[in-house]
Amino acid sequence: MADSGVNVPSGFGGLVKFKEEYPSKFNLKPTHIVVFIILIILFRIALGMFVK
């Protein structure tokens, strides 16, 4: 590499640790999400059948 004469700090070198997990107000399982989506689809179909 060419020496440009610019000194750049090397940063923190991986010493910064970000908290990867945090307590959530909503703890939903994937099955709850799938059931909720199916209910929305069924509600939409029912609206299409009964409301014209």
N, C-alpha and C. Protein backbone atom coordinates (compact mmCIF):
# COMPACT_ATOMS: atom_id res chain seq x y z
N MET A 1 0.83 -1.17 0.00
CA MET A 1 0.00 0.00 0.00
C MET A 1 0.87 1.24 0.00
N ALA A 2 0.37 2.25 -0.58
CA ALA A 2 1.12 3.50 -0.62
C ALA A 2 0.96 4.22 0.70
N ASP A 3 2.03 4.84 1.16
CA ASP A 3 2.00 5.60 2.40
C ASP A 3 1.54 7.01 2.09
N SER A 4 0.32 7.35 2.52
CA SER A 4 -0.23 8.66 2.19
C SER A 4 0.08 9.70 3.26
N GLY A 5 0.61 9.27 4.40
CA GLY A 5 0.94 10.19 5.46
C GLY A 5 -0.24 10.58 6.32
N VAL A 6 -1.38 9.93 6.15
CA VAL A 6 -2.57 10.23 6.94
C VAL A 6 -2.69 9.18 8.02
N ASN A 7 -2.78 9.63 9.26
CA ASN A 7 -2.94 8.70 10.38
C ASN A 7 -4.43 8.61 10.74
N VAL A 8 -4.97 7.43 10.61
CA VAL A 8 -6.38 7.20 10.90
C VAL A 8 -6.44 6.31 12.14
N PRO A 9 -7.26 6.67 13.12
CA PRO A 9 -7.36 5.80 14.30
C PRO A 9 -7.95 4.45 13.92
N SER A 10 -7.52 3.43 14.63
CA SER A 10 -7.93 2.08 14.27
C SER A 10 -9.31 1.72 14.77
N GLY A 11 -9.96 2.58 15.50
CA GLY A 11 -11.31 2.29 15.99
C GLY A 11 -11.25 1.58 17.32
N PHE A 12 -12.27 0.86 17.62
CA PHE A 12 -12.37 0.21 18.92
C PHE A 12 -11.87 -1.23 18.88
N GLY A 13 -11.59 -1.75 17.74
CA GLY A 13 -11.03 -3.10 17.64
C GLY A 13 -11.94 -4.19 18.16
N GLY A 14 -13.24 -4.01 18.03
CA GLY A 14 -14.18 -5.04 18.48
C GLY A 14 -14.47 -4.98 19.96
N LEU A 15 -14.07 -3.94 20.63
CA LEU A 15 -14.30 -3.84 22.07
C LEU A 15 -15.70 -3.36 22.41
N VAL A 16 -16.40 -2.80 21.44
CA VAL A 16 -17.76 -2.33 21.68
C VAL A 16 -18.70 -3.52 21.54
N LYS A 17 -19.48 -3.75 22.59
CA LYS A 17 -20.42 -4.87 22.55
C LYS A 17 -21.83 -4.30 22.59
N PHE A 18 -22.58 -4.60 21.54
CA PHE A 18 -23.96 -4.16 21.48
C PHE A 18 -24.84 -5.24 22.09
N LYS A 19 -25.83 -4.81 22.82
CA LYS A 19 -26.74 -5.77 23.42
C LYS A 19 -27.62 -6.36 22.33
N GLU A 20 -27.46 -7.64 22.07
CA GLU A 20 -28.17 -8.27 20.95
C GLU A 20 -29.60 -8.62 21.29
N GLU A 21 -29.86 -8.96 22.54
CA GLU A 21 -31.21 -9.31 22.93
C GLU A 21 -31.71 -8.31 23.94
N TYR A 22 -32.95 -7.94 23.77
CA TYR A 22 -33.56 -7.00 24.68
C TYR A 22 -34.95 -7.50 25.02
N PRO A 23 -35.45 -7.17 26.19
CA PRO A 23 -36.80 -7.65 26.54
C PRO A 23 -37.85 -6.97 25.67
N SER A 24 -38.71 -7.77 25.11
CA SER A 24 -39.75 -7.26 24.23
C SER A 24 -41.09 -7.25 24.96
N LYS A 25 -41.92 -6.30 24.60
CA LYS A 25 -43.26 -6.25 25.19
C LYS A 25 -44.16 -7.31 24.57
N PHE A 26 -43.86 -7.71 23.34
CA PHE A 26 -44.66 -8.70 22.64
C PHE A 26 -43.82 -9.95 22.42
N ASN A 27 -44.19 -11.03 23.08
CA ASN A 27 -43.51 -12.31 22.89
C ASN A 27 -44.45 -13.23 22.13
N LEU A 28 -44.30 -13.27 20.81
CA LEU A 28 -45.17 -14.07 19.97
C LEU A 28 -44.40 -15.23 19.36
N LYS A 29 -45.06 -16.35 19.32
CA LYS A 29 -44.47 -17.52 18.66
C LYS A 29 -44.81 -17.46 17.18
N PRO A 30 -44.02 -18.12 16.35
CA PRO A 30 -44.33 -18.12 14.90
C PRO A 30 -45.70 -18.71 14.59
N THR A 31 -46.16 -19.66 15.39
CA THR A 31 -47.48 -20.23 15.13
C THR A 31 -48.58 -19.19 15.36
N HIS A 32 -48.39 -18.30 16.32
CA HIS A 32 -49.37 -17.25 16.55
C HIS A 32 -49.46 -16.32 15.34
N ILE A 33 -48.33 -16.02 14.74
CA ILE A 33 -48.31 -15.15 13.57
C ILE A 33 -49.04 -15.81 12.41
N VAL A 34 -48.78 -17.09 12.18
CA VAL A 34 -49.42 -17.81 11.08
C VAL A 34 -50.92 -17.86 11.28
N VAL A 35 -51.37 -18.16 12.50
CA VAL A 35 -52.81 -18.21 12.79
C VAL A 35 -53.44 -16.84 12.58
N PHE A 36 -52.76 -15.79 13.01
CA PHE A 36 -53.28 -14.43 12.84
C PHE A 36 -53.44 -14.08 11.37
N ILE A 37 -52.46 -14.45 10.55
CA ILE A 37 -52.54 -14.18 9.12
C ILE A 37 -53.68 -14.97 8.48
N ILE A 38 -53.86 -16.22 8.88
CA ILE A 38 -54.96 -17.03 8.34
C ILE A 38 -56.30 -16.42 8.72
N LEU A 39 -56.42 -15.93 9.95
CA LEU A 39 -57.66 -15.28 10.37
C LEU A 39 -57.94 -14.02 9.56
N ILE A 40 -56.93 -13.26 9.25
CA ILE A 40 -57.11 -12.06 8.43
C ILE A 40 -57.57 -12.44 7.02
N ILE A 41 -56.98 -13.50 6.46
CA ILE A 41 -57.38 -13.95 5.12
C ILE A 41 -58.83 -14.43 5.13
N LEU A 42 -59.22 -15.20 6.15
CA LEU A 42 -60.59 -15.68 6.24
C LEU A 42 -61.57 -14.53 6.43
N PHE A 43 -61.19 -13.53 7.21
CA PHE A 43 -62.03 -12.36 7.40
C PHE A 43 -62.22 -11.61 6.08
N ARG A 44 -61.16 -11.51 5.31
CA ARG A 44 -61.23 -10.83 4.01
C ARG A 44 -62.13 -11.59 3.04
N ILE A 45 -62.05 -12.90 3.04
CA ILE A 45 -62.90 -13.72 2.18
C ILE A 45 -64.36 -13.58 2.60
N ALA A 46 -64.61 -13.57 3.92
CA ALA A 46 -65.97 -13.43 4.42
C ALA A 46 -66.53 -12.07 4.04
N LEU A 47 -65.74 -11.03 4.10
CA LEU A 47 -66.20 -9.71 3.69
C LEU A 47 -66.58 -9.72 2.22
N GLY A 48 -65.80 -10.38 1.40
CA GLY A 48 -66.09 -10.43 -0.02
C GLY A 48 -67.36 -11.20 -0.33
N MET A 49 -67.69 -12.19 0.49
CA MET A 49 -68.88 -12.99 0.26
C MET A 49 -70.16 -12.30 0.75
N PHE A 50 -70.09 -11.65 1.91
CA PHE A 50 -71.29 -11.10 2.53
C PHE A 50 -71.55 -9.64 2.22
N VAL A 51 -70.52 -8.89 1.90
CA VAL A 51 -70.68 -7.46 1.62
C VAL A 51 -70.42 -7.24 0.15
N LYS A 52 -71.46 -6.76 -0.54
CA LYS A 52 -71.27 -6.53 -1.98
C LYS A 52 -71.63 -5.13 -2.35
